[in-house]
Amino acid sequence: MLSQKLVLTFPPSVVREPVTYHLVKDFDLVVNILRANISPDEAGHMVVELSGRREQLRKGRSYLAKSKVEVQPLAKDVRWIEERCVHCTACVAICPTNALEVNRETMMVSFDNEKCIGCQLCIPVCSYGAMEIQF
């Protein structure tokens, strides 16, 4: 089984459609909603982890494209700007998935975007603006 973390952007005309229902029922995908901001008649954003067989994932993404839902990998929306990071480790304690970690020998922070769920908890604790999330 494969997994993909994706950012789905719904135009206002699609927000009321049962998109996740179709991903589950029609394409046999497991949909884990990590974060969502959706309101009636407004553009919406959802961070999901889709899991399933390769062919089902392909068909599900094709369905999303036909439904006018914009899809992009979560990794494109979350950035750690290492040049701004002073390795103070404030973000490490707040990160629920350990996407931000500190090497105890070197005391250097690192970021693993595969673990990131886009929760945005790191944004307010970083005084240096080293984390950016664009949805």
C-alpha atoms as a PDB file:
ATOM      1  CA  MET A   1       0.000   0.000   0.000  1.00  0.00           C
ATOM      2  CA  LEU A   2       1.332   3.443  -0.964  1.00  0.00           C
ATOM      3  CA  SER A   3       0.710   6.735   0.834  1.00  0.00           C
ATOM      4  CA  GLN A   4       0.801  10.319  -0.383  1.00  0.00           C
ATOM      5  CA  LYS A   5       0.444  13.503   1.657  1.00  0.00           C
ATOM      6  CA  LEU A   6      -1.384  16.037  -0.465  1.00  0.00           C
ATOM      7  CA  VAL A   7      -2.847  19.509  -0.263  1.00  0.00           C
ATOM      8  CA  LEU A   8      -6.273  19.677  -1.892  1.00  0.00           C
ATOM      9  CA  THR A   9      -7.629  23.081  -2.860  1.00  0.00           C
ATOM     10  CA  PHE A  10     -11.356  23.176  -3.514  1.00  0.00           C
ATOM     11  CA  PRO A  11     -12.929  25.959  -5.573  1.00  0.00           C
ATOM     12  CA  PRO A  12     -16.174  27.333  -4.059  1.00  0.00           C
ATOM     13  CA  SER A  13     -18.244  25.404  -6.599  1.00  0.00           C
ATOM     14  CA  VAL A  14     -16.891  22.051  -5.350  1.00  0.00           C
ATOM     15  CA  VAL A  15     -16.883  22.605  -1.571  1.00  0.00           C
ATOM     16  CA  ARG A  16     -20.359  21.083  -1.144  1.00  0.00           C
ATOM     17  CA  GLU A  17     -19.536  17.974  -3.228  1.00  0.00           C
ATOM     18  CA  PRO A  18     -18.833  14.621  -1.446  1.00  0.00           C
ATOM     19  CA  VAL A  19     -15.264  14.385  -2.732  1.00  0.00           C
ATOM     20  CA  THR A  20     -13.779  12.360   0.131  1.00  0.00           C
ATOM     21  CA  TYR A  21     -16.753   9.993   0.014  1.00  0.00           C
ATOM     22  CA  HIS A  22     -15.989   9.217  -3.648  1.00  0.00           C
ATOM     23  CA  LEU A  23     -12.287   8.714  -2.922  1.00  0.00           C
ATOM     24  CA  VAL A  24     -13.198   6.112  -0.307  1.00  0.00           C
ATOM     25  CA  LYS A  25     -16.149   4.370  -1.982  1.00  0.00           C
ATOM     26  CA  ASP A  26     -15.303   4.614  -5.691  1.00  0.00           C
ATOM     27  CA  PHE A  27     -11.524   4.281  -5.538  1.00  0.00           C
ATOM     28  CA  ASP A  28     -11.006   2.199  -2.376  1.00  0.00           C
ATOM     29  CA  LEU A  29      -8.632   4.760  -0.876  1.00  0.00           C
ATOM     30  CA  VAL A  30      -7.965   5.406   2.782  1.00  0.00           C
ATOM     31  CA  VAL A  31      -8.350   9.134   3.417  1.00  0.00           C
ATOM     32  CA  ASN A  32      -6.726  10.497   6.572  1.00  0.00           C
ATOM     33  CA  ILE A  33      -7.624  14.176   6.946  1.00  0.00           C
ATOM     34  CA  LEU A  34      -4.679  15.852   8.664  1.00  0.00           C
ATOM     35  CA  ARG A  35      -5.982  19.411   8.497  1.00  0.00           C
ATOM     36  CA  ALA A  36      -8.891  21.184   6.827  1.00  0.00           C
ATOM     37  CA  ASN A  37     -10.280  24.670   6.358  1.00  0.00           C
ATOM     38  CA  ILE A  38     -13.505  24.480   4.396  1.00  0.00           C
ATOM     39  CA  SER A  39     -16.497  26.818   4.526  1.00  0.00           C
ATOM     40  CA  PRO A  40     -19.612  26.915   2.367  1.00  0.00           C
ATOM     41  CA  ASP A  41     -19.287  29.017  -0.780  1.00  0.00           C
ATOM     42  CA  GLU A  42     -15.578  29.775  -0.188  1.00  0.00           C
ATOM     43  CA  ALA A  43     -12.415  28.171  -1.515  1.00  0.00           C
ATOM     44  CA  GLY A  44     -11.273  25.393   0.825  1.00  0.00           C
ATOM     45  CA  HIS A  45      -8.021  23.640   1.669  1.00  0.00           C
ATOM     46  CA  MET A  46      -7.483  20.170   3.022  1.00  0.00           C
ATOM     47  CA  VAL A  47      -4.272  18.346   3.907  1.00  0.00           C
ATOM     48  CA  VAL A  48      -4.793  14.608   3.506  1.00  0.00           C
ATOM     49  CA  GLU A  49      -2.835  11.410   3.477  1.00  0.00           C
ATOM     50  CA  LEU A  50      -4.202   9.133   0.773  1.00  0.00           C
ATOM     51  CA  SER A  51      -3.310   5.455   0.983  1.00  0.00           C
ATOM     52  CA  GLY A  52      -4.037   2.673  -1.442  1.00  0.00           C
ATOM     53  CA  ARG A  53      -2.766   0.694  -4.393  1.00  0.00           C
ATOM     54  CA  ARG A  54      -0.843   2.582  -7.075  1.00  0.00           C
ATOM     55  CA  GLU A  55      -3.591   2.261  -9.697  1.00  0.00           C
ATOM     56  CA  GLN A  56      -6.310   3.344  -7.262  1.00  0.00           C
ATOM     57  CA  LEU A  57      -4.261   6.382  -6.250  1.00  0.00           C
ATOM     58  CA  ARG A  58      -3.833   7.294  -9.913  1.00  0.00           C
ATOM     59  CA  LYS A  59      -7.560   6.960 -10.555  1.00  0.00           C
ATOM     60  CA  GLY A  60      -8.402   8.949  -7.425  1.00  0.00           C
ATOM     61  CA  ARG A  61      -6.085  11.796  -8.423  1.00  0.00           C
ATOM     62  CA  SER A  62      -7.585  11.748 -11.908  1.00  0.00           C
ATOM     63  CA  TYR A  63     -11.059  12.050 -10.361  1.00  0.00           C
ATOM     64  CA  LEU A  64      -9.878  15.018  -8.284  1.00  0.00           C
ATOM     65  CA  ALA A  65      -8.508  16.750 -11.386  1.00  0.00           C
ATOM     66  CA  LYS A  66     -11.782  16.203 -13.250  1.00  0.00           C
ATOM     67  CA  SER A  67     -13.633  17.599 -10.238  1.00  0.00           C
ATOM     68  CA  LYS A  68     -11.521  20.779 -10.471  1.00  0.00           C
ATOM     69  CA  VAL A  69      -9.815  20.077  -7.128  1.00  0.00           C
ATOM     70  CA  GLU A  70      -6.218  21.313  -7.282  1.00  0.00           C
ATOM     71  CA  VAL A  71      -3.791  18.695  -5.959  1.00  0.00           C
ATOM     72  CA  GLN A  72      -0.182  19.144  -4.981  1.00  0.00           C
ATOM     73  CA  PRO A  73       2.223  17.305  -2.708  1.00  0.00           C
ATOM     74  CA  LEU A  74       2.386  18.647   0.842  1.00  0.00           C
ATOM     75  CA  ALA A  75       6.172  18.925   0.522  1.00  0.00           C
ATOM     76  CA  LYS A  76       5.737  21.791  -1.969  1.00  0.00           C
ATOM     77  CA  ASP A  77       3.785  23.846   0.569  1.00  0.00           C
ATOM     78  CA  VAL A  78       5.989  23.372   3.638  1.00  0.00           C
ATOM     79  CA  ARG A  79       9.459  24.884   3.623  1.00  0.00           C
ATOM     80  CA  TRP A  80      12.221  25.007   6.187  1.00  0.00           C
ATOM     81  CA  ILE A  81      14.531  27.882   5.352  1.00  0.00           C
ATOM     82  CA  GLU A  82      17.789  26.659   6.838  1.00  0.00           C
ATOM     83  CA  GLU A  83      19.572  29.990   6.290  1.00  0.00           C
ATOM     84  CA  ARG A  84      17.123  31.667   8.704  1.00  0.00           C
ATOM     85  CA  CYS A  85      17.305  28.902  11.305  1.00  0.00           C
ATOM     86  CA  VAL A  86      19.524  29.629  14.323  1.00  0.00           C
ATOM     87  CA  HIS A  87      18.975  26.090  15.676  1.00  0.00           C
ATOM     88  CA  CYS A  88      17.395  27.340  18.912  1.00  0.00           C
ATOM     89  CA  THR A  89      15.226  24.158  18.978  1.00  0.00           C
ATOM     90  CA  ALA A  90      12.010  25.998  19.973  1.00  0.00           C
ATOM     91  CA  CYS A  91      10.187  24.249  17.107  1.00  0.00           C
ATOM     92  CA  VAL A  92      11.384  20.774  18.051  1.00  0.00           C
ATOM     93  CA  ALA A  93       9.323  20.498  21.237  1.00  0.00           C
ATOM     94  CA  ILE A  94       6.116  21.663  19.551  1.00  0.00           C
ATOM     95  CA  CYS A  95       6.300  19.392  16.471  1.00  0.00           C
ATOM     96  CA  PRO A  96       3.837  16.510  16.997  1.00  0.00           C
ATOM     97  CA  THR A  97       5.333  14.254  14.304  1.00  0.00           C
ATOM     98  CA  ASN A  98       9.059  14.828  14.894  1.00  0.00           C
ATOM     99  CA  ALA A  99       9.407  16.374  11.439  1.00  0.00           C
ATOM    100  CA  LEU A 100      11.632  18.917  13.173  1.00  0.00           C
ATOM    101  CA  GLU A 101      14.351  17.197  15.155  1.00  0.00           C
ATOM    102  CA  VAL A 102      17.591  18.134  16.841  1.00  0.00           C
ATOM    103  CA  ASN A 103      20.790  16.131  16.588  1.00  0.00           C
ATOM    104  CA  ARG A 104      21.916  16.017  20.234  1.00  0.00           C
ATOM    105  CA  GLU A 105      25.604  15.709  19.294  1.00  0.00           C
ATOM    106  CA  THR A 106      25.710  18.761  17.026  1.00  0.00           C
ATOM    107  CA  MET A 107      22.620  20.583  18.403  1.00  0.00           C
ATOM    108  CA  MET A 108      21.555  21.247  14.810  1.00  0.00           C
ATOM    109  CA  VAL A 109      17.884  21.206  13.812  1.00  0.00           C
ATOM    110  CA  SER A 110      16.788  19.254  10.739  1.00  0.00           C
ATOM    111  CA  PHE A 111      13.463  19.013   8.913  1.00  0.00           C
ATOM    112  CA  ASP A 112      11.933  15.889   7.360  1.00  0.00           C
ATOM    113  CA  ASN A 113       9.041  16.989   5.134  1.00  0.00           C
ATOM    114  CA  GLU A 114       7.876  13.369   4.798  1.00  0.00           C
ATOM    115  CA  LYS A 115       6.867  13.430   8.465  1.00  0.00           C
ATOM    116  CA  CYS A 116       5.271  16.888   8.327  1.00  0.00           C
ATOM    117  CA  ILE A 117       1.469  17.118   8.432  1.00  0.00           C
ATOM    118  CA  GLY A 118       1.239  20.878   7.906  1.00  0.00           C
ATOM    119  CA  CYS A 119      -0.210  21.580  11.365  1.00  0.00           C
ATOM    120  CA  GLN A 120       1.508  25.013  11.462  1.00  0.00           C
ATOM    121  CA  LEU A 121       2.438  24.761  15.147  1.00  0.00           C
ATOM    122  CA  CYS A 122       6.044  25.606  14.268  1.00  0.00           C
ATOM    123  CA  ILE A 123       5.172  28.939  12.633  1.00  0.00           C
ATOM    124  CA  PRO A 124       4.410  31.036  15.735  1.00  0.00           C
ATOM    125  CA  VAL A 125       7.256  29.597  17.847  1.00  0.00           C
ATOM    126  CA  CYS A 126       9.947  30.426  15.280  1.00  0.00           C
ATOM    127  CA  SER A 127      11.020  34.023  15.835  1.00  0.00           C
ATOM    128  CA  TYR A 128      13.291  33.852  12.796  1.00  0.00           C
ATOM    129  CA  GLY A 129      10.722  32.888  10.157  1.00  0.00           C
ATOM    130  CA  ALA A 130      12.530  29.688   9.262  1.00  0.00           C
ATOM    131  CA  MET A 131       9.294  27.780   8.597  1.00  0.00           C
ATOM    132  CA  GLU A 132       6.884  28.713   5.841  1.00  0.00           C
ATOM    133  CA  ILE A 133       3.614  27.051   4.928  1.00  0.00           C
ATOM    134  CA  GLN A 134       1.695  28.229   1.900  1.00  0.00           C
ATOM    135  CA  PHE A 135      -1.822  26.951   1.376  1.00  0.00           C
END
